[in-house]
Amino acid sequence: MAATTQAPAPKQETELKRAIGPKLLLLFIVGDILGTGVYALTGQVAAEVGGAAWLPFLIAFGVALVTAFSYLELVTKYPQTAGAALYVHKAFGIHFVTFLITFIVMCSGITSAATASRAFAANLAAGIDVELGNGTVMLIAMGFMLLVMAINFRGVSESVKANVVLTLVELSGLVMVILIGFYAIFGGRADFSRVVMFETPGDKALLLSISTATSLAFFAMVGFEDSVNMAEETKDPSKIFPRVMLTGLGVTAVIYVLVSLCAVAVVPIGQLADNETPLVTVVETAAPGFPIGSLLPFISMFAVANSALINMMMASRLLYGMSKQRVLPGFLSKVHAKNQTPWASILFTTGISLLLIGYVSLSPESPIVAVLGGTTSLLLLAVFAVVNLVVLKLRRDTVPHGHFRAGRVLPVIGILACLWLVLPWSSGRGYEQYEIAGALLVIGIVLWGVTFLVRRRTGTAAPEAAPAPEDEPAARP
């Protein structure tokens, strides 16, 4: 059973300012989870299971919650930045494995931002009430990514106060959908009986449809893992992280379930399925002509734009960091002299995102947002399975301060649940998601291999292991 040991935690030394308290950390977690997923993928989830679209979100919350317990044990045990990469290196001490985990997390940021770009373009079309073809939407999405690149290149001075504002704007759109949805339900303009109706596509088995929908809905629940990278900037992380992270997950889960309930009750499944702006359709159907409803596409644009910028900043900085550690080519660590931003990594990650947008937009096989969002959840579920394994691996590694404990059963459940949603025969994922994930990994491995050969030819030293605190054993060489 999850618990927190009682021994007091010593003051952790860090170069970063510990400025984040419980309230600001909660807003960071809630703001990071809210965004592209529920704004863009509710229709895709409904296409798989019909009116029971709330169920995959609830199951996804359960899987995320179990994995969150593992993250909580690790972040309170090792309150340092670097997240999953740090934990994997402590557990195995193998540089290539650490690189793969870091690169997968970076790729998940790129695919998430590419998903957001498509959602941004679709909501723009809805906001200005213009019917746009797939090619035009693709060009707008690419233009949006170039704008994100320009902001990223210039340098973004983000403060915790700014994050609070962004979170409140994102939250306002979802609260609007819930309130207008309830208004329609209690006003007799909705069919609440639809929320218990399962409708699977074709002859697809019910369990497989639920698994497919859950693998999509999981994209909406990711984001909580980013908060562990704020550990060195959080006041007393070993104490406040468990309560705040679990509260944040609970709040967002309730919001997502309520949004999905309102969506399927208000809008017939045929109109909701495969809709790239599902929540806009919900508001327009529930309250046609309602003046505030016209703002939702722009709120949605703001929410997904914030998600894209955060993810591309994370991806470019991870790539820059791997280059600095000499596990990727050195040119990726080049920094602009004036702006002091990693311009080479920014260009590289933006280039990959543009290729993804173009490739998926021109492929007629599956809905675009579902492919990119599904690829993001595929990559992160693989990382989450490893994190749950790492908790068990590091169980014998003791530290002299109190920390959260996930127990022995929950990490095993987390491993099995994550693998169930990763494997093709159980998750029902389309082959495009595996192709994209595989192609991204090939790019990373090729870059790593080139760097290894260059380092070997020039006699450059291998990267050093991540430093361990004085009270913890160092990772194996």
Protein backbone atom coordinates (compact mmCIF):
# COMPACT_ATOMS: atom_id res chain seq x y z
CA MET A 1 0.00 0.00 0.00
CA ALA A 2 1.32 3.46 -0.83
CA ALA A 3 2.79 5.31 2.12
CA THR A 4 5.31 7.94 3.07
CA THR A 5 8.11 7.17 5.50
CA GLN A 6 8.34 9.47 8.49
CA ALA A 7 12.04 10.32 8.66
CA PRO A 8 12.63 14.03 7.99
CA ALA A 9 14.27 14.97 4.71
CA PRO A 10 17.54 16.90 4.90
CA LYS A 11 17.83 20.16 3.04
CA GLN A 12 18.73 19.35 -0.57
CA GLU A 13 21.46 21.41 -2.18
CA THR A 14 20.56 22.82 -5.59
CA GLU A 15 21.68 25.62 -7.88
CA LEU A 16 18.07 26.40 -8.74
CA LYS A 17 15.78 28.61 -6.70
CA ARG A 18 13.12 26.73 -4.78
CA ALA A 19 10.23 29.05 -5.61
CA ILE A 20 7.36 26.63 -6.25
CA GLY A 21 5.02 25.86 -3.38
CA PRO A 22 2.02 23.47 -3.28
CA LYS A 23 -0.48 25.83 -4.99
CA LEU A 24 1.82 26.77 -7.85
CA LEU A 25 2.90 23.15 -8.34
CA LEU A 26 -0.77 22.11 -8.50
CA LEU A 27 -1.47 24.72 -11.17
CA PHE A 28 1.59 23.58 -13.11
CA ILE A 29 0.42 19.94 -13.09
CA VAL A 30 -3.19 20.77 -13.95
CA GLY A 31 -2.09 23.17 -16.70
CA ASP A 32 0.32 20.61 -18.14
CA ILE A 33 -2.33 17.88 -18.34
CA LEU A 34 -5.07 20.12 -19.72
CA GLY A 35 -4.77 21.05 -23.37
CA THR A 36 -4.61 19.31 -26.71
CA GLY A 37 -5.83 15.86 -25.69
CA VAL A 38 -9.40 16.52 -24.62
CA TYR A 39 -9.83 19.46 -27.02
CA ALA A 40 -8.87 17.35 -30.04
CA LEU A 41 -9.39 13.65 -29.31
CA THR A 42 -12.83 13.38 -27.72
CA GLY A 43 -14.35 12.70 -31.13
CA GLN A 44 -11.80 10.00 -31.95
CA VAL A 45 -12.51 8.27 -28.64
CA ALA A 46 -16.25 8.39 -29.33
CA ALA A 47 -15.64 6.87 -32.77
CA GLU A 48 -14.25 3.75 -31.05
CA VAL A 49 -16.74 3.19 -28.23
CA GLY A 50 -19.75 5.37 -29.03
CA GLY A 51 -21.57 7.06 -26.15
CA ALA A 52 -19.38 5.45 -23.50
CA ALA A 53 -16.55 7.83 -24.42
CA TRP A 54 -16.14 8.69 -20.73
CA LEU A 55 -14.99 5.13 -19.92
CA PRO A 56 -11.65 5.23 -21.81
CA PHE A 57 -10.81 8.54 -20.10
CA LEU A 58 -11.57 6.93 -16.73
CA ILE A 59 -9.42 3.87 -17.52
CA ALA A 60 -6.62 6.11 -18.80
CA PHE A 61 -6.79 7.98 -15.50
CA GLY A 62 -6.42 4.68 -13.64
CA VAL A 63 -3.31 3.73 -15.64
CA ALA A 64 -1.86 7.22 -15.16
CA LEU A 65 -2.61 7.09 -11.43
CA VAL A 66 -0.79 3.79 -10.95
CA THR A 67 2.23 5.13 -12.85
CA ALA A 68 2.05 8.37 -10.87
CA PHE A 69 2.62 6.35 -7.68
CA SER A 70 5.88 5.06 -9.18
CA TYR A 71 6.93 8.56 -10.21
CA LEU A 72 6.14 9.80 -6.71
CA GLU A 73 8.39 7.22 -5.09
CA LEU A 74 11.23 8.13 -7.43
CA VAL A 75 10.88 11.93 -7.30
CA THR A 76 10.64 11.97 -3.49
CA LYS A 77 13.51 9.51 -3.25
CA TYR A 78 15.69 11.40 -5.77
CA PRO A 79 14.41 15.01 -5.83
CA GLN A 80 16.49 16.05 -8.84
CA THR A 81 15.75 17.16 -12.39
CA ALA A 82 16.00 14.89 -15.48
CA GLY A 83 12.99 12.70 -14.63
CA ALA A 84 12.80 9.28 -16.25
CA ALA A 85 16.32 9.50 -17.70
CA LEU A 86 17.78 10.01 -14.22
CA TYR A 87 15.84 7.09 -12.74
CA VAL A 88 16.73 4.73 -15.59
CA HIS A 89 20.42 5.62 -15.32
CA LYS A 90 20.39 5.02 -11.58
CA ALA A 91 18.74 1.64 -12.10
CA PHE A 92 20.81 0.30 -15.00
CA GLY A 93 23.76 2.65 -15.49
CA ILE A 94 23.87 1.88 -19.23
CA HIS A 95 24.36 5.01 -21.32
CA PHE A 96 22.64 3.67 -24.43
CA VAL A 97 19.51 2.71 -22.46
CA THR A 98 19.47 6.13 -20.79
CA PHE A 99 19.86 7.76 -24.21
CA LEU A 100 16.94 5.76 -25.65
CA ILE A 101 14.62 6.77 -22.82
CA THR A 102 15.64 10.41 -23.13
CA PHE A 103 15.24 10.37 -26.92
CA ILE A 104 11.81 8.71 -26.66
CA VAL A 105 10.65 11.40 -24.23
CA MET A 106 11.98 14.04 -26.64
CA CYS A 107 10.15 12.43 -29.57
CA SER A 108 6.93 12.37 -27.56
CA GLY A 109 7.25 16.14 -27.22
CA ILE A 110 7.60 16.54 -30.99
CA THR A 111 4.64 14.29 -31.83
CA SER A 112 2.56 16.04 -29.17
CA ALA A 113 3.40 19.44 -30.65
CA ALA A 114 2.57 18.16 -34.15
CA THR A 115 -0.80 16.99 -32.83
CA ALA A 116 -1.37 20.44 -31.33
CA SER A 117 -0.53 22.11 -34.65
CA ARG A 118 -3.29 20.20 -36.45
CA ALA A 119 -5.74 21.02 -33.66
CA PHE A 120 -4.71 24.67 -33.87
CA ALA A 121 -5.40 24.80 -37.61
CA ALA A 122 -8.76 23.02 -37.26
CA ASN A 123 -9.90 25.37 -34.48
CA LEU A 124 -8.79 28.40 -36.50
CA ALA A 125 -11.01 27.26 -39.35
CA ALA A 126 -13.91 26.79 -36.91
CA GLY A 127 -13.27 30.16 -35.28
CA ILE A 128 -13.41 32.13 -38.53
CA ASP A 129 -16.18 29.83 -39.86
CA VAL A 130 -14.39 28.87 -43.07
CA GLU A 131 -14.31 25.41 -44.62
CA LEU A 132 -10.68 24.51 -45.30
CA GLY A 133 -9.35 21.57 -47.26
CA ASN A 134 -6.83 19.12 -45.84
CA GLY A 135 -3.97 20.71 -47.75
CA THR A 136 -4.77 24.18 -46.44
CA VAL A 137 -5.05 22.88 -42.87
CA MET A 138 -1.67 21.18 -43.34
CA LEU A 139 -0.05 24.43 -44.47
CA ILE A 140 -1.58 26.35 -41.54
CA ALA A 141 -0.31 23.67 -39.14
CA MET A 142 3.18 23.95 -40.64
CA GLY A 143 3.05 27.74 -40.45
CA PHE A 144 2.03 27.46 -36.82
CA MET A 145 5.04 25.23 -36.09
CA LEU A 146 7.32 27.77 -37.76
CA LEU A 147 5.83 30.45 -35.50
CA VAL A 148 6.49 28.24 -32.47
CA MET A 149 10.06 27.81 -33.74
CA ALA A 150 10.49 31.58 -34.00
CA ILE A 151 9.26 32.11 -30.44
CA ASN A 152 11.44 29.26 -29.21
CA PHE A 153 14.43 30.69 -31.08
CA ARG A 154 13.92 34.19 -29.72
CA GLY A 155 13.76 32.88 -26.18
CA VAL A 156 10.77 32.63 -23.87
CA SER A 157 11.06 34.05 -20.39
CA GLU A 158 8.38 32.02 -18.67
CA SER A 159 7.45 32.62 -15.06
CA VAL A 160 5.21 30.67 -12.74
CA LYS A 161 2.70 33.55 -12.85
CA ALA A 162 2.44 33.18 -16.62
CA ASN A 163 1.75 29.47 -16.19
CA VAL A 164 -1.10 30.32 -13.81
CA VAL A 165 -2.70 32.58 -16.44
CA LEU A 166 -2.32 29.96 -19.19
CA THR A 167 -3.81 27.27 -16.97
CA LEU A 168 -6.83 29.40 -16.09
CA VAL A 169 -7.49 30.16 -19.78
CA GLU A 170 -7.27 26.47 -20.72
CA LEU A 171 -9.50 25.53 -17.80
CA SER A 172 -12.10 28.16 -18.67
CA GLY A 173 -12.81 26.54 -22.03
CA LEU A 174 -13.47 23.13 -20.46
CA VAL A 175 -15.61 24.59 -17.68
CA MET A 176 -17.60 26.40 -20.39
CA VAL A 177 -18.24 23.11 -22.19
CA ILE A 178 -19.36 21.42 -18.95
CA LEU A 179 -21.73 24.25 -17.94
CA ILE A 180 -23.29 24.58 -21.40
CA GLY A 181 -23.56 20.79 -21.61
CA PHE A 182 -25.42 20.63 -18.29
CA TYR A 183 -27.61 23.52 -19.45
CA ALA A 184 -28.64 21.47 -22.49
CA ILE A 185 -29.08 18.24 -20.52
CA PHE A 186 -31.31 19.74 -17.83
CA GLY A 187 -33.14 21.77 -20.47
CA GLY A 188 -34.19 18.59 -22.28
CA ARG A 189 -32.07 19.26 -25.38
CA ALA A 190 -29.78 16.28 -24.90
CA ASP A 191 -30.09 12.51 -24.76
CA PHE A 192 -28.30 11.36 -21.61
CA SER A 193 -29.14 7.73 -22.34
CA ARG A 194 -26.39 7.74 -24.99
CA VAL A 195 -23.68 7.73 -22.30
CA VAL A 196 -24.19 4.00 -21.67
CA MET A 197 -24.41 2.97 -25.31
CA PHE A 198 -21.41 1.12 -26.72
CA GLU A 199 -20.98 1.42 -30.48
CA THR A 200 -17.90 -0.24 -31.92
CA PRO A 201 -16.73 0.30 -35.51
CA GLY A 202 -17.45 -2.59 -37.87
CA ASP A 203 -17.01 -6.04 -36.34
CA LYS A 204 -14.39 -4.88 -33.83
CA ALA A 205 -14.58 -6.67 -30.47
CA LEU A 206 -15.74 -4.56 -27.52
CA LEU A 207 -12.59 -5.13 -25.44
CA LEU A 208 -10.36 -4.19 -28.36
CA SER A 209 -12.40 -1.03 -29.02
CA ILE A 210 -12.10 0.00 -25.38
CA SER A 211 -8.34 -0.64 -25.46
CA THR A 212 -7.98 1.39 -28.66
CA ALA A 213 -9.99 4.26 -27.22
CA THR A 214 -8.04 4.14 -23.94
CA SER A 215 -4.73 4.31 -25.79
CA LEU A 216 -6.03 7.50 -27.44
CA ALA A 217 -7.53 8.94 -24.25
CA PHE A 218 -4.22 8.39 -22.46
CA PHE A 219 -2.80 11.22 -24.55
CA ALA A 220 -5.07 13.55 -22.57
CA MET A 221 -3.70 12.31 -19.23
CA VAL A 222 0.00 12.72 -19.95
CA GLY A 223 1.77 15.79 -18.64
CA PHE A 224 1.97 14.97 -14.96
CA GLU A 225 5.38 13.38 -15.53
CA ASP A 226 6.81 16.75 -16.62
CA SER A 227 6.39 18.04 -13.08
CA VAL A 228 9.17 15.77 -11.76
CA ASN A 229 11.61 17.95 -13.71
CA MET A 230 10.59 20.80 -11.39
CA ALA A 231 11.80 18.89 -8.30
CA GLU A 232 14.86 21.10 -7.71
CA GLU A 233 12.71 24.23 -7.92
CA THR A 234 10.03 22.94 -5.53
CA LYS A 235 9.95 23.67 -1.81
CA ASP A 236 10.30 20.44 0.18
CA PRO A 237 9.50 18.15 -2.80
CA SER A 238 9.59 14.92 -0.76
CA LYS A 239 6.70 16.24 1.34
CA ILE A 240 4.40 18.09 -1.06
CA PHE A 241 4.74 16.14 -4.33
CA PRO A 242 2.51 13.15 -3.39
CA ARG A 243 -0.48 15.23 -2.27
CA VAL A 244 -0.19 17.77 -5.10
CA MET A 245 0.35 15.32 -7.97
CA LEU A 246 -2.53 13.07 -6.91
CA THR A 247 -4.80 16.09 -6.45
CA GLY A 248 -3.88 17.39 -9.90
CA LEU A 249 -4.59 14.04 -11.53
CA GLY A 250 -7.91 13.79 -9.71
CA VAL A 251 -9.04 17.29 -10.72
CA THR A 252 -8.21 16.76 -14.39
CA ALA A 253 -9.79 13.30 -14.45
CA VAL A 254 -13.09 14.70 -13.12
CA ILE A 255 -13.01 17.50 -15.73
CA TYR A 256 -12.28 15.10 -18.59
CA VAL A 257 -15.00 12.63 -17.60
CA LEU A 258 -17.57 15.45 -17.25
CA VAL A 259 -16.56 16.89 -20.64
CA SER A 260 -16.90 13.52 -22.36
CA LEU A 261 -20.28 12.87 -20.69
CA CYS A 262 -21.60 16.23 -21.87
CA ALA A 263 -20.19 15.71 -25.37
CA VAL A 264 -21.88 12.37 -26.05
CA ALA A 265 -25.15 13.45 -24.42
CA VAL A 266 -25.42 16.63 -26.49
CA VAL A 267 -24.02 15.59 -29.89
CA PRO A 268 -25.05 12.44 -31.81
CA ILE A 269 -22.12 10.04 -32.12
CA GLY A 270 -22.14 10.28 -35.91
CA GLN A 271 -21.40 14.02 -35.71
CA LEU A 272 -18.90 13.68 -32.88
CA ALA A 273 -16.83 10.82 -34.27
CA ASP A 274 -13.69 11.80 -36.18
CA ASN A 275 -14.40 15.49 -35.47
CA GLU A 276 -11.22 17.58 -35.15
CA THR A 277 -13.05 20.29 -33.16
CA PRO A 278 -15.42 18.17 -31.04
CA LEU A 279 -15.91 20.61 -28.16
CA VAL A 280 -16.76 23.47 -30.53
CA THR A 281 -19.47 21.22 -32.00
CA VAL A 282 -20.75 20.46 -28.49
CA VAL A 283 -21.17 24.16 -27.63
CA GLU A 284 -22.75 25.00 -31.00
CA THR A 285 -25.23 22.13 -30.64
CA ALA A 286 -26.07 22.73 -26.97
CA ALA A 287 -26.53 26.50 -27.25
CA PRO A 288 -26.75 27.68 -30.87
CA GLY A 289 -26.13 31.39 -31.12
CA PHE A 290 -24.75 31.55 -27.58
CA PRO A 291 -22.26 34.47 -27.76
CA ILE A 292 -19.65 33.03 -25.41
CA GLY A 293 -19.59 29.82 -27.44
CA SER A 294 -17.95 31.64 -30.34
CA LEU A 295 -14.89 32.16 -28.13
CA LEU A 296 -14.26 28.44 -27.62
CA PRO A 297 -12.33 27.85 -30.87
CA PHE A 298 -9.94 30.64 -29.89
CA ILE A 299 -9.61 29.33 -26.32
CA SER A 300 -8.88 25.92 -27.84
CA MET A 301 -6.25 27.50 -30.09
CA PHE A 302 -4.65 29.14 -27.07
CA ALA A 303 -4.61 25.88 -25.12
CA VAL A 304 -3.05 23.80 -27.91
CA ALA A 305 -0.58 26.59 -28.76
CA ASN A 306 0.63 26.58 -25.18
CA SER A 307 1.01 22.79 -25.29
CA ALA A 308 2.97 22.96 -28.54
CA LEU A 309 5.36 25.63 -27.28
CA ILE A 310 6.05 23.82 -23.99
CA ASN A 311 6.65 20.51 -25.79
CA MET A 312 8.94 21.99 -28.46
CA MET A 313 10.94 23.83 -25.82
CA MET A 314 11.32 20.57 -23.90
CA ALA A 315 12.28 18.62 -27.03
CA SER A 316 14.90 21.11 -28.22
CA ARG A 317 16.46 21.39 -24.74
CA LEU A 318 16.64 17.61 -24.36
CA LEU A 319 18.32 17.33 -27.77
CA TYR A 320 20.71 20.12 -26.81
CA GLY A 321 21.50 18.39 -23.52
CA MET A 322 22.22 15.05 -25.21
CA SER A 323 24.54 16.82 -27.62
CA LYS A 324 26.33 18.54 -24.74
CA GLN A 325 26.78 15.13 -23.10
CA ARG A 326 28.43 13.91 -26.32
CA VAL A 327 25.86 11.22 -27.07
CA LEU A 328 24.59 13.08 -30.16
CA PRO A 329 26.49 15.09 -32.81
CA GLY A 330 28.12 18.26 -31.49
CA PHE A 331 26.45 20.61 -33.98
CA LEU A 332 23.14 20.10 -32.17
CA SER A 333 24.52 21.92 -29.12
CA LYS A 334 25.21 25.18 -30.96
CA VAL A 335 23.78 28.22 -29.15
CA HIS A 336 22.86 31.56 -30.70
CA ALA A 337 25.30 34.20 -29.47
CA LYS A 338 22.69 36.90 -28.95
CA ASN A 339 19.54 35.04 -27.95
CA GLN A 340 21.37 32.29 -26.05
CA THR A 341 18.96 29.68 -27.38
CA PRO A 342 19.94 26.25 -28.82
CA TRP A 343 19.18 27.21 -32.43
CA ALA A 344 20.52 24.01 -34.02
CA SER A 345 18.36 21.77 -31.84
CA ILE A 346 15.37 24.04 -32.41
CA LEU A 347 15.80 23.77 -36.19
CA PHE A 348 16.27 20.00 -36.01
CA THR A 349 13.19 19.33 -33.85
CA THR A 350 11.08 21.72 -35.93
CA GLY A 351 12.20 19.96 -39.11
CA ILE A 352 11.06 16.60 -37.71
CA SER A 353 7.70 18.06 -36.68
CA LEU A 354 7.15 19.48 -40.19
CA LEU A 355 7.96 16.11 -41.74
CA LEU A 356 5.48 14.44 -39.39
CA ILE A 357 2.73 16.93 -40.19
CA GLY A 358 3.30 16.54 -43.93
CA TYR A 359 3.57 12.75 -43.87
CA VAL A 360 0.47 12.18 -41.75
CA SER A 361 -1.57 14.87 -43.53
CA LEU A 362 -0.92 13.27 -46.91
CA SER A 363 -1.68 9.77 -45.64
CA PRO A 364 -5.36 8.82 -46.07
CA GLU A 365 -5.17 5.82 -43.78
CA SER A 366 -6.37 7.23 -40.43
CA PRO A 367 -7.53 10.47 -38.81
CA ILE A 368 -4.48 12.72 -38.51
CA VAL A 369 -4.89 13.87 -34.91
CA ALA A 370 -5.55 10.28 -33.79
CA VAL A 371 -2.33 9.04 -35.45
CA LEU A 372 -0.11 11.74 -33.96
CA GLY A 373 -1.82 11.68 -30.56
CA GLY A 374 -1.70 7.90 -30.51
CA THR A 375 2.00 7.93 -31.34
CA THR A 376 2.62 10.30 -28.43
CA SER A 377 0.82 8.01 -25.98
CA LEU A 378 2.61 4.96 -27.48
CA LEU A 379 6.03 6.52 -26.81
CA LEU A 380 5.16 7.66 -23.28
CA LEU A 381 3.47 4.39 -22.32
CA ALA A 382 6.71 2.60 -23.23
CA VAL A 383 8.60 5.00 -20.95
CA PHE A 384 6.01 4.53 -18.18
CA ALA A 385 6.40 0.74 -18.35
CA VAL A 386 10.15 1.19 -17.81
CA VAL A 387 9.60 3.66 -14.95
CA ASN A 388 7.35 1.15 -13.17
CA LEU A 389 10.08 -1.47 -13.61
CA VAL A 390 12.74 0.95 -12.32
CA VAL A 391 10.82 1.45 -9.06
CA LEU A 392 11.15 -2.26 -8.31
CA LYS A 393 14.78 -2.29 -9.44
CA LEU A 394 15.73 0.58 -7.10
CA ARG A 395 13.69 -0.69 -4.15
CA ARG A 396 16.86 -1.85 -2.33
CA ASP A 397 18.61 1.50 -2.90
CA THR A 398 18.11 3.36 0.37
CA VAL A 399 18.36 7.10 1.02
CA PRO A 400 18.65 8.84 4.40
CA HIS A 401 15.42 10.85 4.11
CA GLY A 402 11.73 10.04 4.10
CA HIS A 403 10.03 9.37 0.78
CA PHE A 404 6.80 8.11 -0.74
CA ARG A 405 6.46 4.36 -1.32
CA ALA A 406 4.38 2.88 -4.12
CA GLY A 407 4.34 -0.64 -2.66
CA ARG A 408 5.08 -3.77 -4.68
CA VAL A 409 1.75 -4.48 -6.36
CA LEU A 410 1.02 -1.14 -8.02
CA PRO A 411 4.25 -0.99 -10.10
CA VAL A 412 3.55 -4.51 -11.42
CA ILE A 413 0.00 -3.46 -12.35
CA GLY A 414 1.51 -0.38 -14.01
CA ILE A 415 3.90 -2.47 -16.10
CA LEU A 416 1.14 -4.82 -17.28
CA ALA A 417 -1.33 -1.99 -18.01
CA CYS A 418 1.21 0.05 -19.97
CA LEU A 419 2.35 -2.95 -22.00
CA TRP A 420 -1.30 -3.85 -22.73
CA LEU A 421 -1.79 -0.39 -24.22
CA VAL A 422 1.49 -0.58 -26.18
CA LEU A 423 1.27 -3.99 -27.83
CA PRO A 424 -0.58 -3.96 -31.20
CA TRP A 425 -2.75 -7.05 -30.67
CA SER A 426 -4.14 -5.77 -27.35
CA SER A 427 -4.22 -2.00 -27.90
CA GLY A 428 -5.75 -2.02 -31.39
CA ARG A 429 -3.35 0.71 -32.54
CA GLY A 430 -2.96 1.40 -36.23
CA TYR A 431 0.34 0.38 -37.81
CA GLU A 432 1.08 4.04 -38.68
CA GLN A 433 1.78 4.79 -35.03
CA TYR A 434 4.44 2.07 -34.83
CA GLU A 435 5.92 3.19 -38.14
CA ILE A 436 6.30 6.78 -36.95
CA ALA A 437 7.67 5.75 -33.55
CA GLY A 438 10.09 3.33 -35.20
CA ALA A 439 11.28 5.90 -37.73
CA LEU A 440 11.95 8.43 -34.95
CA LEU A 441 13.93 5.84 -32.99
CA VAL A 442 15.95 4.95 -36.09
CA ILE A 443 16.86 8.63 -36.50
CA GLY A 444 18.03 8.74 -32.89
CA ILE A 445 20.02 5.51 -33.08
CA VAL A 446 21.71 6.63 -36.32
CA LEU A 447 22.71 9.93 -34.73
CA TRP A 448 23.95 8.09 -31.65
CA GLY A 449 25.92 5.63 -33.80
CA VAL A 450 27.55 8.42 -35.84
CA THR A 451 28.52 10.20 -32.63
CA PHE A 452 29.95 6.99 -31.18
CA LEU A 453 32.08 6.35 -34.28
CA VAL A 454 33.34 9.94 -34.39
CA ARG A 455 34.16 9.82 -30.69
CA ARG A 456 35.99 6.53 -31.15
CA ARG A 457 37.96 7.81 -34.18
CA THR A 458 38.99 11.03 -32.47
CA GLY A 459 39.65 9.42 -29.11
CA THR A 460 37.12 11.66 -27.36
CA ALA A 461 36.16 10.44 -23.90
CA ALA A 462 32.77 8.83 -23.41
CA PRO A 463 30.15 10.88 -21.59
CA GLU A 464 30.32 10.74 -17.84
CA ALA A 465 27.59 9.11 -15.82
CA ALA A 466 24.99 11.36 -14.28
CA PRO A 467 26.41 12.59 -10.98
CA ALA A 468 24.94 11.03 -7.89
CA PRO A 469 24.45 12.92 -4.63
CA GLU A 470 27.02 12.24 -1.92
CA ASP A 471 24.55 10.16 0.07
CA GLU A 472 23.66 7.88 -2.85
CA PRO A 473 25.71 5.24 -4.68
CA ALA A 474 26.91 6.21 -8.16
CA ALA A 475 25.51 4.43 -11.18
CA ARG A 476 27.54 1.63 -12.77
CA PRO A 477 29.94 2.71 -15.53
